[in-house]
């Protein structure tokens, strides 16, 4: 049986398995720990098995009858960065960001038996999102923006409104209210000019 380490992480149990001399992690506990749908992420992993180094393993403590989809721990950071928090439901967005910021480090520390060196609470990392203005490949300026800011071409707005995950129900309500108010005002002005 492969060496196995159970790692408690923000209310979930993640696992490390020694395979071919390196640490692997079963992905289903990671995905479900964030609150994401396993089927979607499993498809993403298995459509590019070489990229993610996917290996199927039977892990009795997880499920003695089925194989677990595992990737090398060294690939976990890259996979986590494929998740786009602005396209994820608001109720799990913070959890996904927490996993992106901490999960691979915590697993690596456990693998290297540094678990007792973990702080009681991993400090929150501060990030700043910047909007850059470029011209001919040169930066003309940068402006700090909130994490909920998105930049896209005006012509793509209808497409983005149809795409699930970009906007919350509250966002749709605000967009509709603003659009209807502006449309009513423009129609009133047009009616006066006719």
N, C-alpha and C. Protein backbone atom coordinates (compact mmCIF):
# COMPACT_ATOMS: atom_id res chain seq x y z
N UNK A 1 0.85 -1.19 0.00
CA UNK A 1 0.00 0.00 0.00
C UNK A 1 0.88 1.24 0.00
N UNK A 2 0.49 2.24 -0.75
CA UNK A 2 1.22 3.49 -0.81
C UNK A 2 1.16 4.21 0.54
N UNK A 3 2.23 4.95 0.89
CA UNK A 3 2.19 5.78 2.09
C UNK A 3 1.13 6.84 1.89
N UNK A 4 0.38 7.10 2.96
CA UNK A 4 -0.75 8.03 2.85
C UNK A 4 -0.75 8.97 4.06
N UNK A 5 -1.00 10.24 3.82
CA UNK A 5 -1.10 11.23 4.89
C UNK A 5 -2.43 11.94 4.73
N UNK A 6 -3.19 12.01 5.83
CA UNK A 6 -4.44 12.78 5.84
C UNK A 6 -4.10 14.18 6.32
N UNK A 7 -4.59 15.19 5.61
CA UNK A 7 -4.27 16.58 5.91
C UNK A 7 -5.56 17.35 6.15
N UNK A 8 -5.83 17.76 7.40
CA UNK A 8 -7.01 18.59 7.65
C UNK A 8 -6.77 19.99 7.08
N UNK A 9 -7.74 20.48 6.32
CA UNK A 9 -7.57 21.79 5.68
C UNK A 9 -8.91 22.50 5.62
N UNK A 10 -9.08 23.52 6.45
CA UNK A 10 -10.28 24.36 6.46
C UNK A 10 -11.58 23.55 6.38
N UNK A 11 -11.70 22.58 7.28
CA UNK A 11 -12.94 21.81 7.36
C UNK A 11 -13.02 20.61 6.45
N UNK A 12 -12.01 20.38 5.64
CA UNK A 12 -11.99 19.22 4.74
C UNK A 12 -10.79 18.35 5.07
N UNK A 13 -10.85 17.11 4.66
CA UNK A 13 -9.70 16.21 4.77
C UNK A 13 -9.15 15.97 3.38
N UNK A 14 -7.92 16.43 3.17
CA UNK A 14 -7.22 16.20 1.92
C UNK A 14 -6.21 15.09 2.16
N UNK A 15 -5.67 14.54 1.10
CA UNK A 15 -4.77 13.39 1.25
C UNK A 15 -3.54 13.54 0.38
N UNK A 16 -2.46 12.95 0.86
CA UNK A 16 -1.23 12.83 0.10
C UNK A 16 -0.89 11.35 0.02
N UNK A 17 -0.50 10.90 -1.15
CA UNK A 17 -0.17 9.50 -1.40
C UNK A 17 1.21 9.46 -2.05
N UNK A 18 2.09 8.60 -1.54
CA UNK A 18 3.38 8.42 -2.20
C UNK A 18 3.20 7.48 -3.37
N UNK A 19 3.62 7.95 -4.54
CA UNK A 19 3.51 7.14 -5.75
C UNK A 19 4.73 7.43 -6.62
N UNK A 20 5.44 6.39 -7.00
CA UNK A 20 6.65 6.54 -7.81
C UNK A 20 7.63 7.54 -7.20
N UNK A 21 7.74 7.52 -5.87
CA UNK A 21 8.72 8.36 -5.18
C UNK A 21 8.36 9.82 -5.01
N UNK A 22 7.13 10.20 -5.33
CA UNK A 22 6.74 11.60 -5.14
C UNK A 22 5.31 11.69 -4.61
N UNK A 23 4.96 12.85 -4.02
CA UNK A 23 3.62 13.00 -3.46
C UNK A 23 2.58 13.28 -4.53
N UNK A 24 1.46 12.57 -4.43
CA UNK A 24 0.29 12.79 -5.28
C UNK A 24 -0.86 13.15 -4.36
N UNK A 25 -1.84 13.86 -4.89
CA UNK A 25 -3.04 14.16 -4.11
C UNK A 25 -4.28 13.74 -4.88
N UNK A 26 -5.20 13.04 -4.21
CA UNK A 26 -6.49 12.74 -4.84
C UNK A 26 -7.26 14.05 -5.02
N UNK A 27 -7.78 14.28 -6.21
CA UNK A 27 -8.37 15.57 -6.54
C UNK A 27 -9.81 15.76 -6.08
N UNK A 28 -10.56 14.69 -5.95
CA UNK A 28 -11.96 14.86 -5.57
C UNK A 28 -12.11 15.58 -4.22
N UNK A 29 -11.35 15.20 -3.16
CA UNK A 29 -11.48 15.94 -1.90
C UNK A 29 -11.10 17.42 -2.04
N UNK A 30 -10.13 17.73 -2.89
CA UNK A 30 -9.74 19.13 -3.11
C UNK A 30 -10.89 19.89 -3.77
N UNK A 31 -11.42 19.32 -4.85
CA UNK A 31 -12.50 19.97 -5.61
C UNK A 31 -13.74 20.15 -4.74
N UNK A 32 -14.16 19.09 -4.07
CA UNK A 32 -15.36 19.16 -3.25
C UNK A 32 -15.15 20.00 -2.00
N UNK A 33 -13.91 20.07 -1.50
CA UNK A 33 -13.60 20.93 -0.37
C UNK A 33 -13.83 22.40 -0.68
N UNK A 34 -13.64 22.77 -1.94
CA UNK A 34 -13.89 24.16 -2.37
C UNK A 34 -15.37 24.40 -2.64
N UNK A 35 -16.14 23.33 -2.78
CA UNK A 35 -17.56 23.48 -3.11
C UNK A 35 -17.84 23.42 -4.60
N UNK A 36 -16.84 23.01 -5.40
CA UNK A 36 -17.02 22.92 -6.85
C UNK A 36 -17.61 21.56 -7.23
N UNK A 37 -18.19 21.50 -8.42
CA UNK A 37 -18.77 20.25 -8.93
C UNK A 37 -17.64 19.35 -9.42
N UNK A 38 -17.59 18.13 -8.90
CA UNK A 38 -16.54 17.19 -9.26
C UNK A 38 -16.57 16.82 -10.74
N UNK A 39 -17.75 16.61 -11.31
CA UNK A 39 -17.85 16.15 -12.69
C UNK A 39 -17.14 17.10 -13.65
N UNK A 40 -17.36 18.40 -13.47
CA UNK A 40 -16.76 19.39 -14.37
C UNK A 40 -15.23 19.38 -14.25
N UNK A 41 -14.73 19.39 -13.02
CA UNK A 41 -13.29 19.42 -12.82
C UNK A 41 -12.64 18.10 -13.22
N UNK A 42 -13.34 16.99 -13.00
CA UNK A 42 -12.83 15.68 -13.41
C UNK A 42 -12.65 15.64 -14.93
N UNK A 43 -13.62 16.19 -15.64
CA UNK A 43 -13.54 16.25 -17.10
C UNK A 43 -12.33 17.09 -17.53
N UNK A 44 -12.12 18.22 -16.86
CA UNK A 44 -10.98 19.08 -17.19
C UNK A 44 -9.65 18.35 -16.96
N UNK A 45 -9.57 17.59 -15.88
CA UNK A 45 -8.35 16.84 -15.58
C UNK A 45 -8.11 15.71 -16.57
N UNK A 46 -9.17 14.97 -16.88
CA UNK A 46 -9.00 13.76 -17.70
C UNK A 46 -8.94 14.03 -19.20
N UNK A 47 -9.29 15.24 -19.63
CA UNK A 47 -9.15 15.55 -21.05
C UNK A 47 -7.71 15.94 -21.39
N UNK A 48 -6.90 16.19 -20.37
CA UNK A 48 -5.50 16.52 -20.60
C UNK A 48 -4.64 15.83 -19.54
N UNK A 49 -4.66 14.50 -19.56
CA UNK A 49 -3.98 13.73 -18.51
C UNK A 49 -2.47 13.95 -18.49
N UNK A 50 -1.86 14.16 -19.66
CA UNK A 50 -0.41 14.39 -19.69
C UNK A 50 -0.06 15.72 -19.03
N UNK A 51 -0.84 16.75 -19.31
CA UNK A 51 -0.58 18.07 -18.73
C UNK A 51 -0.60 18.02 -17.21
N UNK A 52 -1.59 17.31 -16.66
CA UNK A 52 -1.77 17.28 -15.20
C UNK A 52 -1.12 16.07 -14.55
N UNK A 53 -0.56 15.15 -15.33
CA UNK A 53 0.08 13.97 -14.76
C UNK A 53 -0.91 13.06 -14.03
N UNK A 54 -2.13 12.99 -14.54
CA UNK A 54 -3.20 12.24 -13.88
C UNK A 54 -2.84 10.76 -13.77
N UNK A 55 -3.01 10.23 -12.58
CA UNK A 55 -2.83 8.80 -12.31
C UNK A 55 -4.05 8.32 -11.53
N UNK A 56 -4.56 7.17 -11.91
CA UNK A 56 -5.70 6.58 -11.21
C UNK A 56 -5.16 5.59 -10.18
N UNK A 57 -5.64 5.70 -8.93
CA UNK A 57 -5.18 4.83 -7.85
C UNK A 57 -6.36 4.36 -7.02
N UNK A 58 -6.28 3.13 -6.54
CA UNK A 58 -7.25 2.65 -5.57
C UNK A 58 -6.71 3.03 -4.20
N UNK A 59 -7.50 3.80 -3.45
CA UNK A 59 -7.12 4.25 -2.11
C UNK A 59 -8.20 3.77 -1.16
N UNK A 60 -7.97 2.66 -0.46
CA UNK A 60 -9.02 2.06 0.36
C UNK A 60 -9.65 3.01 1.38
N UNK A 61 -8.88 3.92 1.95
CA UNK A 61 -9.46 4.82 2.95
C UNK A 61 -10.42 5.83 2.33
N UNK A 62 -10.30 6.06 1.02
CA UNK A 62 -11.23 6.96 0.33
C UNK A 62 -12.40 6.17 -0.26
N UNK A 63 -12.07 5.14 -1.03
CA UNK A 63 -13.10 4.31 -1.67
C UNK A 63 -12.42 3.03 -2.14
N UNK A 64 -12.68 1.95 -1.42
CA UNK A 64 -11.96 0.70 -1.73
C UNK A 64 -12.41 0.06 -3.03
N UNK A 65 -13.53 0.52 -3.60
CA UNK A 65 -14.06 -0.11 -4.81
C UNK A 65 -13.78 0.67 -6.09
N UNK A 66 -13.40 1.92 -5.96
CA UNK A 66 -13.20 2.75 -7.14
C UNK A 66 -11.83 3.42 -7.11
N UNK A 67 -11.34 3.72 -8.29
CA UNK A 67 -10.06 4.40 -8.39
C UNK A 67 -10.26 5.90 -8.15
N UNK A 68 -9.24 6.51 -7.54
CA UNK A 68 -9.25 7.96 -7.31
C UNK A 68 -8.39 8.64 -8.37
N UNK A 69 -8.85 9.78 -8.84
CA UNK A 69 -8.10 10.58 -9.80
C UNK A 69 -7.09 11.41 -9.02
N UNK A 70 -5.80 11.18 -9.25
CA UNK A 70 -4.75 11.86 -8.50
C UNK A 70 -3.81 12.59 -9.45
N UNK A 71 -3.23 13.68 -8.94
CA UNK A 71 -2.19 14.37 -9.71
C UNK A 71 -0.99 14.58 -8.79
N UNK A 72 0.21 14.75 -9.37
CA UNK A 72 1.38 15.04 -8.54
C UNK A 72 1.17 16.36 -7.80
N UNK A 73 1.62 16.41 -6.57
CA UNK A 73 1.49 17.64 -5.78
C UNK A 73 2.14 18.82 -6.50
N UNK A 74 3.21 18.57 -7.23
CA UNK A 74 3.90 19.65 -7.95
C UNK A 74 3.03 20.28 -9.04
N UNK A 75 1.97 19.59 -9.47
CA UNK A 75 1.06 20.10 -10.50
C UNK A 75 -0.15 20.82 -9.90
N UNK A 76 -0.36 20.67 -8.59
CA UNK A 76 -1.57 21.21 -7.96
C UNK A 76 -1.67 22.73 -8.10
N UNK A 77 -0.56 23.44 -7.86
CA UNK A 77 -0.59 24.90 -7.95
C UNK A 77 -1.06 25.35 -9.33
N UNK A 78 -0.49 24.76 -10.37
CA UNK A 78 -0.88 25.12 -11.74
C UNK A 78 -2.35 24.87 -11.99
N UNK A 79 -2.84 23.72 -11.53
CA UNK A 79 -4.26 23.40 -11.73
C UNK A 79 -5.14 24.39 -10.97
N UNK A 80 -4.78 24.72 -9.73
CA UNK A 80 -5.59 25.67 -8.95
C UNK A 80 -5.67 27.02 -9.66
N UNK A 81 -4.61 27.41 -10.35
CA UNK A 81 -4.61 28.71 -11.02
C UNK A 81 -5.48 28.73 -12.27
N UNK A 82 -5.95 27.56 -12.72
CA UNK A 82 -6.88 27.55 -13.86
C UNK A 82 -8.29 27.95 -13.43
N UNK A 83 -8.54 27.96 -12.13
CA UNK A 83 -9.86 28.36 -11.63
C UNK A 83 -9.94 29.88 -11.63
N UNK A 84 -11.01 30.42 -12.17
CA UNK A 84 -11.17 31.86 -12.27
C UNK A 84 -12.22 32.31 -11.26
N UNK A 85 -11.79 32.89 -10.12
CA UNK A 85 -12.75 33.25 -9.08
C UNK A 85 -13.88 34.15 -9.56
N UNK A 86 -13.63 35.03 -10.53
CA UNK A 86 -14.70 35.91 -11.00
C UNK A 86 -15.76 35.16 -11.79
N UNK A 87 -15.51 33.90 -12.13
CA UNK A 87 -16.49 33.09 -12.85
C UNK A 87 -17.12 32.03 -11.95
N UNK A 88 -16.83 32.11 -10.66
CA UNK A 88 -17.31 31.12 -9.70
C UNK A 88 -18.38 31.76 -8.83
N UNK A 89 -19.36 30.95 -8.43
CA UNK A 89 -20.46 31.44 -7.59
C UNK A 89 -19.92 32.23 -6.40
N UNK A 90 -20.58 33.32 -6.08
CA UNK A 90 -20.13 34.20 -5.01
C UNK A 90 -20.05 33.48 -3.67
N UNK A 91 -20.95 32.52 -3.41
CA UNK A 91 -20.97 31.87 -2.10
C UNK A 91 -19.77 30.95 -1.86
N UNK A 92 -19.03 30.56 -2.89
CA UNK A 92 -17.84 29.72 -2.70
C UNK A 92 -16.56 30.40 -3.18
N UNK A 93 -16.68 31.61 -3.69
CA UNK A 93 -15.52 32.31 -4.27
C UNK A 93 -14.38 32.45 -3.27
N UNK A 94 -14.69 32.87 -2.03
CA UNK A 94 -13.63 33.06 -1.04
C UNK A 94 -12.92 31.75 -0.71
N UNK A 95 -13.68 30.66 -0.68
CA UNK A 95 -13.10 29.34 -0.39
C UNK A 95 -12.13 28.94 -1.52
N UNK A 96 -12.52 29.19 -2.77
CA UNK A 96 -11.65 28.87 -3.91
C UNK A 96 -10.36 29.69 -3.82
N UNK A 97 -10.48 30.96 -3.52
CA UNK A 97 -9.29 31.82 -3.40
C UNK A 97 -8.41 31.33 -2.25
N UNK A 98 -9.03 30.92 -1.15
CA UNK A 98 -8.28 30.38 -0.02
C UNK A 98 -7.49 29.14 -0.44
N UNK A 99 -8.10 28.25 -1.18
CA UNK A 99 -7.40 27.06 -1.68
C UNK A 99 -6.27 27.47 -2.62
N UNK A 100 -6.53 28.44 -3.52
CA UNK A 100 -5.49 28.88 -4.44
C UNK A 100 -4.29 29.45 -3.69
N UNK A 101 -4.55 30.15 -2.60
CA UNK A 101 -3.49 30.81 -1.85
C UNK A 101 -2.74 29.88 -0.91
N UNK A 102 -3.40 28.84 -0.38
CA UNK A 102 -2.81 28.09 0.71
C UNK A 102 -2.64 26.59 0.50
N UNK A 103 -3.50 25.96 -0.27
CA UNK A 103 -3.61 24.50 -0.30
C UNK A 103 -2.30 23.80 -0.64
N UNK A 104 -1.64 24.19 -1.71
CA UNK A 104 -0.42 23.49 -2.12
C UNK A 104 0.69 23.65 -1.09
N UNK A 105 0.79 24.84 -0.47
CA UNK A 105 1.80 25.06 0.57
C UNK A 105 1.56 24.17 1.78
N UNK A 106 0.30 24.08 2.23
CA UNK A 106 -0.03 23.26 3.39
C UNK A 106 0.27 21.79 3.11
N UNK A 107 -0.14 21.30 1.95
CA UNK A 107 0.14 19.91 1.60
C UNK A 107 1.65 19.64 1.53
N UNK A 108 2.38 20.57 0.96
CA UNK A 108 3.83 20.40 0.86
C UNK A 108 4.47 20.34 2.25
N UNK A 109 4.01 21.20 3.16
CA UNK A 109 4.55 21.18 4.53
C UNK A 109 4.24 19.85 5.21
N UNK A 110 3.04 19.35 5.04
CA UNK A 110 2.70 18.06 5.63
C UNK A 110 3.58 16.96 5.04
N UNK A 111 3.78 17.00 3.74
CA UNK A 111 4.60 15.98 3.09
C UNK A 111 6.02 16.00 3.66
N UNK A 112 6.54 17.17 3.95
CA UNK A 112 7.89 17.33 4.48
C UNK A 112 7.92 17.35 6.01
N UNK A 113 6.82 16.87 6.62
CA UNK A 113 6.71 16.74 8.08
C UNK A 113 6.93 18.06 8.80
N UNK A 114 6.46 19.14 8.18
CA UNK A 114 6.55 20.46 8.79
C UNK A 114 5.20 20.91 9.32
N UNK A 115 4.26 19.98 9.49
CA UNK A 115 2.91 20.36 9.90
C UNK A 115 2.91 21.10 11.22
N UNK A 116 3.79 20.72 12.14
CA UNK A 116 3.81 21.39 13.44
C UNK A 116 4.36 22.81 13.34
N UNK A 117 4.91 23.18 12.20
CA UNK A 117 5.42 24.53 12.01
C UNK A 117 4.40 25.47 11.38
N UNK A 118 3.21 24.93 11.07
CA UNK A 118 2.18 25.78 10.48
C UNK A 118 1.66 26.75 11.52
N UNK A 119 1.42 28.00 11.16
CA UNK A 119 0.80 28.92 12.11
C UNK A 119 -0.63 28.47 12.42
N UNK A 120 -1.14 28.86 13.58
CA UNK A 120 -2.51 28.48 13.97
C UNK A 120 -3.50 28.93 12.91
N UNK A 121 -3.29 30.09 12.35
CA UNK A 121 -4.15 30.57 11.27
C UNK A 121 -3.24 31.12 10.18
N UNK A 122 -3.34 30.58 9.01
CA UNK A 122 -2.53 31.06 7.90
C UNK A 122 -2.97 32.48 7.56
N UNK A 123 -2.06 33.45 7.59
CA UNK A 123 -2.48 34.83 7.33
C UNK A 123 -3.03 34.99 5.92
N UNK A 124 -4.01 35.86 5.81
CA UNK A 124 -4.61 36.14 4.52
C UNK A 124 -3.62 36.93 3.67
N UNK A 125 -3.47 36.53 2.43
CA UNK A 125 -2.58 37.25 1.54
C UNK A 125 -3.32 38.44 0.94
N UNK A 126 -2.63 39.54 0.83
CA UNK A 126 -3.23 40.73 0.26
C UNK A 126 -2.81 40.81 -1.20
N UNK A 127 -3.80 40.94 -2.06
CA UNK A 127 -3.50 41.08 -3.48
C UNK A 127 -4.18 42.34 -3.99
N UNK A 128 -3.60 42.94 -4.98
CA UNK A 128 -4.19 44.11 -5.61
C UNK A 128 -4.35 43.82 -7.09
N UNK A 129 -5.55 44.02 -7.58
CA UNK A 129 -5.83 43.83 -9.00
C UNK A 129 -5.61 45.18 -9.68
N UNK A 130 -4.85 45.19 -10.77
CA UNK A 130 -4.54 46.43 -11.48
C UNK A 130 -5.10 46.40 -12.89
N UNK A 131 -5.62 47.54 -13.32
CA UNK A 131 -6.05 47.72 -14.70
C UNK A 131 -4.93 48.50 -15.39
N UNK A 132 -4.34 47.90 -16.43
CA UNK A 132 -3.23 48.54 -17.12
C UNK A 132 -3.69 49.09 -18.46
N UNK A 133 -3.21 50.28 -18.78
CA UNK A 133 -3.45 50.87 -20.09
C UNK A 133 -2.17 50.72 -20.90
N UNK A 134 -2.28 50.05 -22.05
CA UNK A 134 -1.12 49.79 -22.89
C UNK A 134 -1.28 50.46 -24.24
N UNK A 135 -0.17 50.89 -24.80
CA UNK A 135 -0.16 51.41 -26.16
C UNK A 135 1.13 50.96 -26.82
N UNK A 136 1.01 50.25 -27.93
CA UNK A 136 2.18 49.72 -28.64
C UNK A 136 3.10 48.92 -27.72
N UNK A 137 2.51 48.15 -26.83
CA UNK A 137 3.28 47.29 -25.94
C UNK A 137 3.91 47.99 -24.75
N UNK A 138 3.64 49.29 -24.58
CA UNK A 138 4.20 50.04 -23.45
C UNK A 138 3.10 50.38 -22.47
N UNK A 139 3.41 50.29 -21.20
CA UNK A 139 2.44 50.61 -20.15
C UNK A 139 2.33 52.13 -20.03
N UNK A 140 1.10 52.64 -20.24
CA UNK A 140 0.86 54.07 -20.10
C UNK A 140 0.42 54.43 -18.69
N UNK A 141 -0.19 53.46 -18.01
CA UNK A 141 -0.64 53.73 -16.65
C UNK A 141 -1.31 52.52 -16.04
N UNK A 142 -1.39 52.52 -14.72
CA UNK A 142 -2.10 51.47 -14.00
C UNK A 142 -3.02 52.10 -12.97
N UNK A 143 -4.13 51.44 -12.73
CA UNK A 143 -5.11 51.91 -11.75
C UNK A 143 -5.54 50.71 -10.91
N UNK A 144 -5.47 50.80 -9.57
CA UNK A 144 -5.97 49.69 -8.75
C UNK A 144 -7.49 49.58 -8.91
N UNK A 145 -7.99 48.35 -9.03
CA UNK A 145 -9.43 48.11 -9.17
C UNK A 145 -9.84 47.01 -8.19
N UNK A 146 -11.12 46.93 -7.92
CA UNK A 146 -11.65 45.90 -7.02
C UNK A 146 -11.61 44.52 -7.66
N UNK A 147 -11.71 43.48 -6.82
CA UNK A 147 -11.67 42.11 -7.32
C UNK A 147 -12.86 41.77 -8.20
N UNK A 148 -13.93 42.55 -8.10
CA UNK A 148 -15.13 42.25 -8.89
C UNK A 148 -15.14 42.99 -10.23
N UNK A 149 -14.05 43.67 -10.57
CA UNK A 149 -13.99 44.44 -11.82
C UNK A 149 -13.63 43.52 -12.98
N UNK A 150 -14.36 43.66 -14.08
CA UNK A 150 -14.08 42.91 -15.30
C UNK A 150 -13.96 43.91 -16.45
N UNK A 151 -13.07 43.64 -17.37
CA UNK A 151 -12.92 44.48 -18.55
C UNK A 151 -13.19 43.61 -19.77
N UNK A 152 -14.06 44.09 -20.65
CA UNK A 152 -14.38 43.35 -21.86
C UNK A 152 -14.86 44.32 -22.92
N UNK A 153 -14.87 43.86 -24.16
CA UNK A 153 -15.35 44.69 -25.27
C UNK A 153 -16.86 44.86 -25.15
N UNK A 154 -17.34 46.06 -25.45
CA UNK A 154 -18.77 46.35 -25.37
C UNK A 154 -19.58 45.37 -26.22
N UNK A 155 -19.04 44.99 -27.37
CA UNK A 155 -19.77 44.08 -28.26
C UNK A 155 -19.96 42.69 -27.64
N UNK A 156 -19.16 42.35 -26.62
CA UNK A 156 -19.27 41.03 -25.98
C UNK A 156 -20.28 41.01 -24.84
N UNK A 157 -20.85 42.16 -24.47
CA UNK A 157 -21.76 42.21 -23.33
C UNK A 157 -22.93 41.24 -23.45
N UNK A 158 -23.66 41.18 -24.58
CA UNK A 158 -24.75 40.20 -24.67
C UNK A 158 -24.27 38.76 -24.48
N UNK A 159 -23.13 38.44 -25.05
CA UNK A 159 -22.57 37.08 -24.91
C UNK A 159 -22.25 36.77 -23.45
N UNK A 160 -21.64 37.73 -22.76
CA UNK A 160 -21.29 37.52 -21.35
C UNK A 160 -22.52 37.42 -20.46
N UNK A 161 -23.57 38.16 -20.81
CA UNK A 161 -24.81 38.08 -20.03
C UNK A 161 -25.45 36.70 -20.15
N UNK A 162 -25.25 36.03 -21.27
CA UNK A 162 -25.81 34.68 -21.46
C UNK A 162 -24.93 33.60 -20.82
N UNK A 163 -23.67 33.89 -20.62
CA UNK A 163 -22.71 32.90 -20.10
C UNK A 163 -22.88 32.74 -18.59
N UNK A 164 -23.11 31.51 -18.11
CA UNK A 164 -23.26 31.32 -16.67
C UNK A 164 -21.94 31.55 -15.94
N UNK A 165 -22.03 32.11 -14.75
CA UNK A 165 -20.86 32.27 -13.91
C UNK A 165 -20.25 33.66 -13.88
N UNK A 166 -20.54 34.50 -14.86
CA UNK A 166 -19.97 35.84 -14.85
C UNK A 166 -20.69 36.75 -13.87
N UNK A 167 -22.00 36.65 -13.80
CA UNK A 167 -22.78 37.57 -13.00
C UNK A 167 -23.67 36.81 -12.02
N UNK A 168 -23.87 37.41 -10.84
CA UNK A 168 -24.78 36.82 -9.86
C UNK A 168 -26.20 37.31 -10.15
N UNK A 169 -27.16 36.75 -9.45
CA UNK A 169 -28.56 37.20 -9.60
C UNK A 169 -28.67 38.67 -9.25
N UNK A 170 -27.95 39.09 -8.20
CA UNK A 170 -27.98 40.50 -7.80
C UNK A 170 -27.40 41.39 -8.91
N UNK A 171 -26.33 40.90 -9.55
CA UNK A 171 -25.74 41.66 -10.66
C UNK A 171 -26.74 41.82 -11.80
N UNK A 172 -27.42 40.71 -12.16
CA UNK A 172 -28.42 40.78 -13.24
C UNK A 172 -29.53 41.78 -12.88
N UNK A 173 -29.97 41.79 -11.63
CA UNK A 173 -31.03 42.72 -11.21
C UNK A 173 -30.56 44.17 -11.35
N UNK A 174 -29.33 44.47 -10.93
CA UNK A 174 -28.79 45.83 -11.04
C UNK A 174 -28.63 46.24 -12.51
N UNK A 175 -28.14 45.30 -13.32
CA UNK A 175 -27.96 45.58 -14.76
C UNK A 175 -29.31 45.88 -15.40
N UNK A 176 -30.31 45.05 -15.10
CA UNK A 176 -31.65 45.26 -15.68
C UNK A 176 -32.25 46.58 -15.22
N UNK A 177 -32.12 46.89 -13.94
CA UNK A 177 -32.67 48.15 -13.41
C UNK A 177 -32.01 49.35 -14.07
N UNK A 178 -30.69 49.32 -14.18
CA UNK A 178 -29.96 50.43 -14.80
C UNK A 178 -30.31 50.55 -16.27
N UNK A 179 -30.34 49.43 -16.99
CA UNK A 179 -30.66 49.45 -18.42
C UNK A 179 -32.07 49.96 -18.66
N UNK A 180 -33.04 49.49 -17.88
CA UNK A 180 -34.43 49.94 -18.05
C UNK A 180 -34.58 51.42 -17.73
N UNK A 181 -33.92 51.89 -16.69
CA UNK A 181 -33.98 53.30 -16.32
C UNK A 181 -33.39 54.17 -17.43
N UNK A 182 -32.23 53.77 -17.93
CA UNK A 182 -31.57 54.53 -18.98
C UNK A 182 -32.38 54.50 -20.27
N UNK A 183 -32.96 53.35 -20.61
CA UNK A 183 -33.79 53.22 -21.81
C UNK A 183 -35.01 54.13 -21.71
N UNK A 184 -35.66 54.15 -20.55
CA UNK A 184 -36.84 55.01 -20.36
C UNK A 184 -36.46 56.48 -20.53
N UNK A 185 -35.31 56.87 -19.99
CA UNK A 185 -34.87 58.25 -20.11
C UNK A 185 -34.58 58.60 -21.58
N UNK A 186 -33.90 57.73 -22.30
CA UNK A 186 -33.58 57.99 -23.71
C UNK A 186 -34.84 58.04 -24.57
N UNK A 187 -35.81 57.17 -24.29
CA UNK A 187 -37.07 57.19 -25.04
C UNK A 187 -37.85 58.47 -24.76
N UNK A 188 -37.80 58.95 -23.52
CA UNK A 188 -38.48 60.20 -23.18
C UNK A 188 -37.86 61.37 -23.92
N UNK A 189 -36.53 61.40 -23.98
CA UNK A 189 -35.83 62.48 -24.70
C UNK A 189 -36.13 62.38 -26.19
N UNK A 190 -36.14 61.18 -26.73
CA UNK A 190 -36.42 60.98 -28.15
C UNK A 190 -37.85 61.42 -28.47
N UNK A 191 -38.80 61.13 -27.57
CA UNK A 191 -40.20 61.52 -27.77
C UNK A 191 -40.36 63.03 -27.83
N UNK A 192 -39.58 63.77 -27.04
CA UNK A 192 -39.65 65.23 -27.04
C UNK A 192 -39.06 65.81 -28.32
N UNK A 193 -38.08 65.12 -28.90
CA UNK A 193 -37.42 65.62 -30.11
C UNK A 193 -38.17 65.28 -31.39
N UNK A 194 -39.19 64.43 -31.31
CA UNK A 194 -39.91 64.03 -32.52
C UNK A 194 -40.98 65.03 -32.88
